[in-house]
N, C-alpha and C. Protein backbone atom coordinates (compact mmCIF):
# COMPACT_ATOMS: atom_id res chain seq x y z
N MET A 1 -14.27 -136.49 -21.81
CA MET A 1 -13.12 -135.91 -22.47
C MET A 1 -12.98 -136.45 -23.88
N THR A 2 -13.32 -137.71 -24.06
CA THR A 2 -13.19 -138.34 -25.36
C THR A 2 -14.12 -137.70 -26.37
N GLY A 3 -15.31 -137.33 -25.98
CA GLY A 3 -16.27 -136.69 -26.88
C GLY A 3 -15.77 -135.34 -27.37
N GLU A 4 -15.14 -134.57 -26.47
CA GLU A 4 -14.60 -133.27 -26.87
C GLU A 4 -13.43 -133.43 -27.84
N ARG A 5 -12.59 -134.44 -27.59
CA ARG A 5 -11.45 -134.69 -28.48
C ARG A 5 -11.95 -135.13 -29.86
N THR A 6 -12.97 -135.93 -29.88
CA THR A 6 -13.52 -136.39 -31.15
C THR A 6 -14.10 -135.22 -31.93
N ARG A 7 -14.86 -134.38 -31.27
CA ARG A 7 -15.42 -133.18 -31.93
C ARG A 7 -14.30 -132.26 -32.41
N GLY A 8 -13.30 -132.07 -31.63
CA GLY A 8 -12.16 -131.23 -32.03
C GLY A 8 -11.43 -131.81 -33.23
N ALA A 9 -11.23 -133.11 -33.21
CA ALA A 9 -10.56 -133.77 -34.35
C ALA A 9 -11.39 -133.63 -35.62
N ILE A 10 -12.71 -133.81 -35.50
CA ILE A 10 -13.59 -133.65 -36.67
C ILE A 10 -13.55 -132.22 -37.16
N LEU A 11 -13.60 -131.25 -36.26
CA LEU A 11 -13.57 -129.83 -36.63
C LEU A 11 -12.28 -129.47 -37.35
N TYR A 12 -11.13 -129.89 -36.78
CA TYR A 12 -9.84 -129.58 -37.41
C TYR A 12 -9.66 -130.31 -38.73
N THR A 13 -10.14 -131.54 -38.83
CA THR A 13 -10.04 -132.29 -40.08
C THR A 13 -10.89 -131.63 -41.16
N THR A 14 -12.10 -131.22 -40.82
CA THR A 14 -12.98 -130.54 -41.78
C THR A 14 -12.36 -129.22 -42.24
N ALA A 15 -11.81 -128.46 -41.31
CA ALA A 15 -11.15 -127.19 -41.68
C ALA A 15 -9.97 -127.45 -42.61
N GLY A 16 -9.18 -128.49 -42.32
CA GLY A 16 -8.03 -128.82 -43.17
C GLY A 16 -8.46 -129.22 -44.57
N VAL A 17 -9.54 -130.02 -44.66
CA VAL A 17 -10.05 -130.42 -45.98
C VAL A 17 -10.54 -129.21 -46.75
N LEU A 18 -11.23 -128.30 -46.09
CA LEU A 18 -11.72 -127.08 -46.76
C LEU A 18 -10.56 -126.21 -47.25
N VAL A 19 -9.53 -126.04 -46.44
CA VAL A 19 -8.36 -125.26 -46.84
C VAL A 19 -7.65 -125.92 -48.02
N ALA A 20 -7.46 -127.23 -47.96
CA ALA A 20 -6.81 -127.95 -49.06
C ALA A 20 -7.64 -127.85 -50.34
N GLY A 21 -8.97 -127.99 -50.21
CA GLY A 21 -9.84 -127.86 -51.38
C GLY A 21 -9.78 -126.46 -51.98
N GLY A 22 -9.79 -125.45 -51.12
CA GLY A 22 -9.69 -124.06 -51.59
C GLY A 22 -8.37 -123.80 -52.28
N ALA A 23 -7.29 -124.30 -51.74
CA ALA A 23 -5.97 -124.11 -52.35
C ALA A 23 -5.89 -124.80 -53.70
N THR A 24 -6.48 -126.00 -53.78
CA THR A 24 -6.51 -126.72 -55.07
C THR A 24 -7.31 -125.95 -56.09
N TRP A 25 -8.49 -125.48 -55.73
CA TRP A 25 -9.33 -124.68 -56.64
C TRP A 25 -8.58 -123.42 -57.08
N TRP A 26 -7.95 -122.72 -56.15
CA TRP A 26 -7.21 -121.49 -56.46
C TRP A 26 -6.12 -121.76 -57.50
N THR A 27 -5.40 -122.85 -57.33
CA THR A 27 -4.32 -123.20 -58.25
C THR A 27 -4.87 -123.57 -59.63
N LEU A 28 -5.91 -124.35 -59.66
CA LEU A 28 -6.47 -124.80 -60.94
C LEU A 28 -7.20 -123.68 -61.68
N ALA A 29 -7.76 -122.71 -60.96
CA ALA A 29 -8.51 -121.62 -61.59
C ALA A 29 -7.62 -120.48 -62.06
N ALA A 30 -6.36 -120.47 -61.70
CA ALA A 30 -5.45 -119.38 -62.09
C ALA A 30 -5.28 -119.36 -63.61
N PRO A 31 -5.24 -118.16 -64.22
CA PRO A 31 -5.03 -118.09 -65.66
C PRO A 31 -3.63 -118.57 -66.03
N PRO A 32 -3.45 -119.05 -67.25
CA PRO A 32 -2.12 -119.50 -67.64
C PRO A 32 -1.13 -118.34 -67.61
N SER A 33 0.06 -118.61 -67.18
CA SER A 33 1.06 -117.55 -67.05
C SER A 33 1.68 -117.17 -68.39
N HIS A 34 1.61 -118.05 -69.36
CA HIS A 34 2.22 -117.76 -70.65
C HIS A 34 1.35 -118.38 -71.74
N SER A 35 1.03 -117.59 -72.75
CA SER A 35 0.21 -118.09 -73.84
C SER A 35 1.06 -118.23 -75.10
N ASP A 36 0.84 -119.30 -75.83
CA ASP A 36 1.54 -119.50 -77.09
C ASP A 36 0.76 -118.91 -78.26
N ASP A 37 -0.43 -118.38 -78.01
CA ASP A 37 -1.25 -117.80 -79.06
C ASP A 37 -0.61 -116.49 -79.53
N PRO A 38 -0.29 -116.38 -80.83
CA PRO A 38 0.36 -115.15 -81.33
C PRO A 38 -0.48 -113.89 -81.10
N LEU A 39 -1.80 -114.01 -81.18
CA LEU A 39 -2.65 -112.82 -80.96
C LEU A 39 -2.55 -112.35 -79.52
N ASP A 40 -2.51 -113.29 -78.56
CA ASP A 40 -2.35 -112.91 -77.16
C ASP A 40 -1.00 -112.25 -76.93
N GLN A 41 0.04 -112.76 -77.57
CA GLN A 41 1.37 -112.17 -77.43
C GLN A 41 1.40 -110.77 -78.04
N ARG A 42 0.77 -110.59 -79.20
CA ARG A 42 0.72 -109.26 -79.83
C ARG A 42 -0.06 -108.27 -78.97
N ARG A 43 -1.18 -108.73 -78.40
CA ARG A 43 -1.98 -107.87 -77.53
C ARG A 43 -1.13 -107.43 -76.33
N ALA A 44 -0.42 -108.34 -75.72
CA ALA A 44 0.43 -108.01 -74.57
C ALA A 44 1.51 -107.01 -74.98
N THR A 45 2.07 -107.18 -76.17
CA THR A 45 3.13 -106.28 -76.64
C THR A 45 2.60 -104.86 -76.84
N VAL A 46 1.46 -104.70 -77.53
CA VAL A 46 0.96 -103.34 -77.78
C VAL A 46 0.51 -102.68 -76.48
N GLU A 47 -0.02 -103.45 -75.54
CA GLU A 47 -0.43 -102.86 -74.27
C GLU A 47 0.76 -102.51 -73.39
N GLN A 48 1.87 -103.19 -73.61
CA GLN A 48 3.10 -102.84 -72.88
C GLN A 48 3.75 -101.60 -73.50
N LEU A 49 3.75 -101.50 -74.83
CA LEU A 49 4.38 -100.36 -75.51
C LEU A 49 3.54 -99.09 -75.44
N LEU A 50 2.22 -99.24 -75.30
CA LEU A 50 1.32 -98.09 -75.18
C LEU A 50 0.37 -98.36 -74.01
N PRO A 51 0.92 -98.27 -72.78
CA PRO A 51 0.13 -98.65 -71.60
C PRO A 51 -0.90 -97.59 -71.22
N ASP A 52 -1.87 -98.01 -70.43
CA ASP A 52 -2.79 -97.05 -69.82
C ASP A 52 -2.00 -96.19 -68.85
N VAL A 53 -2.28 -94.90 -68.84
CA VAL A 53 -1.61 -93.97 -67.93
C VAL A 53 -2.64 -93.09 -67.24
N ASP A 54 -2.25 -92.53 -66.11
CA ASP A 54 -3.13 -91.62 -65.40
C ASP A 54 -3.44 -90.42 -66.28
N GLY A 55 -4.67 -90.00 -66.28
CA GLY A 55 -5.06 -88.79 -67.00
C GLY A 55 -5.35 -88.99 -68.48
N GLN A 56 -5.25 -90.21 -68.99
CA GLN A 56 -5.57 -90.38 -70.41
C GLN A 56 -7.07 -90.21 -70.62
N ALA A 57 -7.43 -89.65 -71.76
CA ALA A 57 -8.83 -89.40 -72.05
C ALA A 57 -9.55 -90.66 -72.51
N ASP A 58 -8.87 -91.52 -73.25
CA ASP A 58 -9.47 -92.76 -73.73
C ASP A 58 -8.36 -93.64 -74.29
N ALA A 59 -8.61 -94.94 -74.35
CA ALA A 59 -7.69 -95.89 -74.95
C ALA A 59 -8.45 -97.18 -75.21
N SER A 60 -8.01 -97.93 -76.21
CA SER A 60 -8.65 -99.20 -76.50
C SER A 60 -7.70 -100.08 -77.30
N THR A 61 -7.84 -101.39 -77.12
CA THR A 61 -7.09 -102.37 -77.89
C THR A 61 -8.10 -103.22 -78.64
N LEU A 62 -7.91 -103.34 -79.97
CA LEU A 62 -8.86 -104.04 -80.82
C LEU A 62 -8.18 -105.08 -81.68
N THR A 63 -8.88 -106.16 -81.96
CA THR A 63 -8.42 -107.16 -82.91
C THR A 63 -9.16 -106.90 -84.21
N LEU A 64 -8.41 -106.61 -85.29
CA LEU A 64 -9.01 -106.24 -86.57
C LEU A 64 -8.68 -107.27 -87.63
N ALA A 65 -9.67 -107.66 -88.39
CA ALA A 65 -9.51 -108.70 -89.42
C ALA A 65 -8.77 -108.16 -90.64
N ALA A 66 -8.11 -109.06 -91.34
CA ALA A 66 -7.40 -108.71 -92.58
C ALA A 66 -8.38 -108.15 -93.60
N GLY A 67 -7.97 -107.09 -94.30
CA GLY A 67 -8.78 -106.50 -95.36
C GLY A 67 -10.02 -105.76 -94.89
N SER A 68 -10.13 -105.50 -93.60
CA SER A 68 -11.34 -104.85 -93.08
C SER A 68 -11.20 -103.34 -93.00
N ASP A 69 -12.34 -102.66 -93.09
CA ASP A 69 -12.45 -101.22 -92.84
C ASP A 69 -13.18 -101.07 -91.52
N ASN A 70 -12.60 -100.30 -90.61
CA ASN A 70 -13.15 -100.19 -89.26
C ASN A 70 -13.33 -98.73 -88.88
N ALA A 71 -14.50 -98.38 -88.39
CA ALA A 71 -14.76 -97.05 -87.85
C ALA A 71 -14.69 -97.16 -86.34
N ILE A 72 -13.73 -96.46 -85.76
CA ILE A 72 -13.52 -96.51 -84.31
C ILE A 72 -13.82 -95.13 -83.75
N GLU A 73 -14.64 -95.10 -82.72
CA GLU A 73 -15.02 -93.82 -82.12
C GLU A 73 -14.72 -93.85 -80.64
N SER A 74 -14.07 -92.79 -80.16
CA SER A 74 -13.74 -92.70 -78.73
C SER A 74 -14.97 -92.27 -77.95
N LYS A 75 -14.81 -92.26 -76.66
CA LYS A 75 -15.87 -91.68 -75.83
C LYS A 75 -15.86 -90.16 -76.06
N PRO A 76 -16.92 -89.45 -75.70
CA PRO A 76 -16.96 -87.99 -75.91
C PRO A 76 -15.82 -87.28 -75.17
N LEU A 77 -15.23 -86.29 -75.85
CA LEU A 77 -14.10 -85.54 -75.31
C LEU A 77 -14.44 -84.06 -75.25
N ASP A 78 -13.82 -83.36 -74.30
CA ASP A 78 -13.94 -81.90 -74.25
C ASP A 78 -13.21 -81.29 -75.43
N THR A 79 -13.59 -80.09 -75.84
CA THR A 79 -12.90 -79.40 -76.91
C THR A 79 -11.51 -78.99 -76.41
N ALA A 80 -10.48 -79.52 -77.08
CA ALA A 80 -9.10 -79.26 -76.66
C ALA A 80 -8.15 -79.89 -77.67
N SER A 81 -6.85 -79.72 -77.42
CA SER A 81 -5.82 -80.40 -78.21
C SER A 81 -5.49 -81.71 -77.53
N TYR A 82 -5.31 -82.75 -78.34
CA TYR A 82 -5.03 -84.08 -77.82
C TYR A 82 -3.87 -84.71 -78.58
N ARG A 83 -3.13 -85.56 -77.88
CA ARG A 83 -2.09 -86.38 -78.52
C ARG A 83 -2.69 -87.76 -78.73
N ILE A 84 -2.73 -88.16 -80.00
CA ILE A 84 -3.22 -89.48 -80.38
C ILE A 84 -2.00 -90.37 -80.60
N SER A 85 -1.95 -91.49 -79.94
CA SER A 85 -0.86 -92.46 -80.11
C SER A 85 -1.46 -93.76 -80.64
N LEU A 86 -0.76 -94.35 -81.62
CA LEU A 86 -1.25 -95.56 -82.29
C LEU A 86 -0.14 -96.58 -82.38
N ILE A 87 -0.50 -97.84 -82.27
CA ILE A 87 0.45 -98.92 -82.49
C ILE A 87 -0.34 -100.14 -82.94
N CYS A 88 0.29 -100.98 -83.73
CA CYS A 88 -0.34 -102.24 -84.13
C CYS A 88 0.72 -103.31 -84.27
N ARG A 89 0.28 -104.54 -84.18
CA ARG A 89 1.14 -105.70 -84.38
C ARG A 89 0.38 -106.72 -85.20
N GLY A 90 1.10 -107.31 -86.15
CA GLY A 90 0.52 -108.35 -86.98
C GLY A 90 1.63 -109.19 -87.57
N ALA A 91 1.26 -110.02 -88.52
CA ALA A 91 2.26 -110.83 -89.21
C ALA A 91 3.21 -109.90 -89.96
N SER A 92 4.34 -110.44 -90.39
CA SER A 92 5.31 -109.59 -91.10
C SER A 92 4.65 -108.93 -92.30
N ASP A 93 5.03 -107.71 -92.58
CA ASP A 93 4.52 -106.90 -93.69
C ASP A 93 3.06 -106.48 -93.55
N THR A 94 2.46 -106.59 -92.37
CA THR A 94 1.11 -106.08 -92.21
C THR A 94 1.16 -104.61 -91.87
N SER A 95 0.10 -103.90 -92.21
CA SER A 95 0.02 -102.48 -91.91
C SER A 95 -1.45 -102.08 -91.85
N VAL A 96 -1.67 -100.91 -91.25
CA VAL A 96 -3.00 -100.31 -91.26
C VAL A 96 -2.87 -98.90 -91.80
N ARG A 97 -3.95 -98.36 -92.33
CA ARG A 97 -4.01 -96.99 -92.80
C ARG A 97 -5.06 -96.30 -91.97
N VAL A 98 -4.66 -95.23 -91.28
CA VAL A 98 -5.53 -94.54 -90.34
C VAL A 98 -5.82 -93.14 -90.86
N SER A 99 -7.10 -92.80 -90.91
CA SER A 99 -7.49 -91.44 -91.29
C SER A 99 -8.55 -90.95 -90.31
N MET A 100 -8.73 -89.63 -90.26
CA MET A 100 -9.69 -89.06 -89.35
C MET A 100 -10.87 -88.43 -90.06
N SER A 101 -10.79 -88.28 -91.39
CA SER A 101 -11.90 -87.64 -92.10
C SER A 101 -12.98 -88.67 -92.41
N ARG A 102 -14.22 -88.19 -92.45
CA ARG A 102 -15.32 -89.09 -92.79
C ARG A 102 -15.41 -89.30 -94.29
N SER A 103 -14.93 -88.35 -95.04
CA SER A 103 -14.94 -88.47 -96.50
C SER A 103 -13.91 -87.49 -97.06
N GLY A 104 -13.70 -87.54 -98.34
CA GLY A 104 -12.77 -86.62 -98.96
C GLY A 104 -11.46 -87.27 -99.30
N PRO A 105 -10.47 -86.46 -99.67
CA PRO A 105 -9.22 -86.99 -100.19
C PRO A 105 -8.20 -87.45 -99.14
N ASP A 106 -8.56 -87.47 -97.86
CA ASP A 106 -7.61 -87.85 -96.82
C ASP A 106 -7.25 -89.33 -96.98
N SER A 107 -6.03 -89.58 -97.46
CA SER A 107 -5.60 -90.97 -97.65
C SER A 107 -5.12 -91.57 -96.34
N GLY A 108 -4.91 -90.75 -95.35
CA GLY A 108 -4.53 -91.24 -94.04
C GLY A 108 -3.05 -91.45 -93.85
N MET A 109 -2.72 -92.00 -92.71
CA MET A 109 -1.34 -92.24 -92.32
C MET A 109 -1.13 -93.75 -92.27
N GLY A 110 -0.08 -94.21 -92.92
CA GLY A 110 0.24 -95.63 -92.88
C GLY A 110 0.97 -95.96 -91.58
N VAL A 111 0.54 -97.01 -90.92
CA VAL A 111 1.16 -97.44 -89.69
C VAL A 111 1.60 -98.90 -89.88
N PRO A 112 2.92 -99.14 -90.02
CA PRO A 112 3.39 -100.52 -90.14
C PRO A 112 3.17 -101.28 -88.83
N CYS A 113 2.82 -102.54 -88.95
CA CYS A 113 2.55 -103.36 -87.77
C CYS A 113 3.67 -104.35 -87.47
N SER A 114 4.84 -104.07 -88.00
CA SER A 114 5.96 -104.99 -87.83
C SER A 114 6.52 -104.93 -86.41
N GLU A 115 7.18 -106.02 -86.02
CA GLU A 115 7.81 -106.09 -84.71
C GLU A 115 8.88 -105.00 -84.60
N GLY A 116 9.07 -104.50 -83.42
CA GLY A 116 10.13 -103.52 -83.18
C GLY A 116 9.69 -102.07 -83.38
N ARG A 117 8.52 -101.84 -83.96
CA ARG A 117 8.05 -100.46 -84.16
C ARG A 117 7.53 -99.90 -82.84
N GLN A 118 7.83 -98.64 -82.61
CA GLN A 118 7.32 -97.93 -81.45
C GLN A 118 6.01 -97.24 -81.84
N PRO A 119 5.23 -96.79 -80.87
CA PRO A 119 3.97 -96.11 -81.20
C PRO A 119 4.20 -94.84 -82.01
N ASP A 120 3.28 -94.57 -82.95
CA ASP A 120 3.27 -93.31 -83.70
C ASP A 120 2.33 -92.36 -82.97
N SER A 121 2.68 -91.06 -82.95
CA SER A 121 1.86 -90.06 -82.26
C SER A 121 1.72 -88.81 -83.10
N PHE A 122 0.59 -88.12 -82.90
CA PHE A 122 0.38 -86.82 -83.53
C PHE A 122 -0.61 -86.04 -82.67
N GLU A 123 -0.59 -84.72 -82.83
CA GLU A 123 -1.51 -83.87 -82.08
C GLU A 123 -2.62 -83.39 -82.99
N VAL A 124 -3.82 -83.25 -82.42
CA VAL A 124 -4.97 -82.82 -83.19
C VAL A 124 -5.95 -82.12 -82.24
N GLY A 125 -6.66 -81.15 -82.76
CA GLY A 125 -7.73 -80.51 -82.00
C GLY A 125 -9.01 -81.31 -82.17
N LEU A 126 -9.69 -81.58 -81.08
CA LEU A 126 -10.92 -82.36 -81.13
C LEU A 126 -12.03 -81.64 -80.39
N ALA A 127 -13.24 -81.83 -80.88
CA ALA A 127 -14.44 -81.36 -80.20
C ALA A 127 -15.44 -82.51 -80.27
N GLY A 128 -15.70 -83.13 -79.17
CA GLY A 128 -16.57 -84.31 -79.16
C GLY A 128 -15.71 -85.56 -79.30
N ALA A 129 -16.30 -86.61 -79.82
CA ALA A 129 -15.60 -87.88 -79.94
C ALA A 129 -14.59 -87.86 -81.08
N MET A 130 -13.49 -88.59 -80.92
CA MET A 130 -12.52 -88.78 -81.99
C MET A 130 -13.01 -89.96 -82.83
N ARG A 131 -12.94 -89.81 -84.14
CA ARG A 131 -13.32 -90.90 -85.03
C ARG A 131 -12.12 -91.26 -85.88
N LEU A 132 -11.73 -92.52 -85.82
CA LEU A 132 -10.64 -93.04 -86.65
C LEU A 132 -11.23 -94.03 -87.65
N ASN A 133 -10.78 -93.93 -88.88
CA ASN A 133 -11.09 -94.93 -89.89
C ASN A 133 -9.81 -95.74 -90.08
N VAL A 134 -9.90 -97.03 -89.81
CA VAL A 134 -8.71 -97.89 -89.85
C VAL A 134 -8.95 -98.97 -90.90
N ARG A 135 -8.10 -98.97 -91.91
CA ARG A 135 -8.16 -99.97 -92.97
C ARG A 135 -6.98 -100.91 -92.78
N VAL A 136 -7.28 -102.20 -92.66
CA VAL A 136 -6.25 -103.21 -92.44
C VAL A 136 -5.85 -103.79 -93.80
N GLY A 137 -4.56 -103.98 -93.99
CA GLY A 137 -4.07 -104.61 -95.21
C GLY A 137 -4.54 -106.05 -95.31
N ASP A 138 -4.26 -106.67 -96.44
CA ASP A 138 -4.74 -108.04 -96.70
C ASP A 138 -3.84 -109.11 -96.10
N GLU A 139 -2.76 -108.75 -95.43
CA GLU A 139 -1.77 -109.74 -94.99
C GLU A 139 -2.16 -110.53 -93.77
N GLY A 140 -3.10 -110.06 -92.95
CA GLY A 140 -3.47 -110.84 -91.78
C GLY A 140 -4.10 -110.01 -90.68
N VAL A 141 -4.57 -110.70 -89.68
CA VAL A 141 -5.19 -110.08 -88.51
C VAL A 141 -4.16 -109.23 -87.78
N VAL A 142 -4.60 -108.06 -87.28
CA VAL A 142 -3.70 -107.20 -86.50
C VAL A 142 -4.35 -106.87 -85.16
N ILE A 143 -3.49 -106.59 -84.20
CA ILE A 143 -3.92 -106.03 -82.91
C ILE A 143 -3.58 -104.55 -82.98
N PHE A 144 -4.59 -103.70 -82.83
CA PHE A 144 -4.46 -102.25 -82.97
C PHE A 144 -4.80 -101.60 -81.64
N ARG A 145 -3.99 -100.65 -81.22
CA ARG A 145 -4.25 -99.93 -79.96
C ARG A 145 -4.09 -98.45 -80.19
N TYR A 146 -5.01 -97.69 -79.62
CA TYR A 146 -4.87 -96.23 -79.63
C TYR A 146 -5.00 -95.71 -78.20
N SER A 147 -4.41 -94.53 -78.01
CA SER A 147 -4.50 -93.85 -76.71
C SER A 147 -4.67 -92.36 -76.99
N ILE A 148 -5.49 -91.71 -76.19
CA ILE A 148 -5.74 -90.28 -76.35
C ILE A 148 -5.39 -89.59 -75.03
N GLN A 149 -4.51 -88.60 -75.12
CA GLN A 149 -4.14 -87.81 -73.95
C GLN A 149 -4.32 -86.33 -74.27
N ARG A 150 -4.92 -85.60 -73.35
CA ARG A 150 -5.10 -84.17 -73.53
C ARG A 150 -3.74 -83.49 -73.42
N VAL A 151 -3.49 -82.56 -74.35
CA VAL A 151 -2.24 -81.80 -74.33
C VAL A 151 -2.42 -80.63 -73.38
N ILE A 152 -1.56 -80.55 -72.39
CA ILE A 152 -1.60 -79.47 -71.40
C ILE A 152 -0.68 -78.36 -71.87
N ASP A 153 -1.24 -77.17 -72.02
CA ASP A 153 -0.44 -76.03 -72.47
C ASP A 153 0.38 -75.44 -71.36
C-alpha cells in the first residue's frame, strides 16, 4: 500500500508543479495591458474609430514617417463604387495630404491628424486596386488608417 501511495503522491506533486509552471508562464507571457508608447496609443485610437467591419473590401493601418511620400495600394477590387474612409493621428498640427491620381494637378485632400477628429469619407468608382498617394507633413510621425467598403445600391 505504501508503494501505491508514494507513486500517487509523486504523480499529484508532478501534476501540481506542471500546472503551477504553466500558470506562471501564461501570466508572464501575456502582452502588457496598457502601453505608454504614444504610437501604440494612436494606433489603438485609429483602429477604434475606423474598425474592421464585415464586408469591407480592404483596410490597413500604417506608420508613416514625417515628411514622407507614400504610395499605398489596396488589394485588387471589383469594378464598383466604394466608400473610402481615412483617419490619422499624430502630434499636434500634423496632417497628411491624400490624392488618388498618379500625376497631374490633383493636389489632394488634406486630412488633419489632430486628436478628436473623426474619419473622413468619400465615394469613388474603382476598377482594380485603389492607389493612394499620402504625403505626411514635416511635424512628426503619423498613424494612418484607411478602409474600403463597397457601396451597395
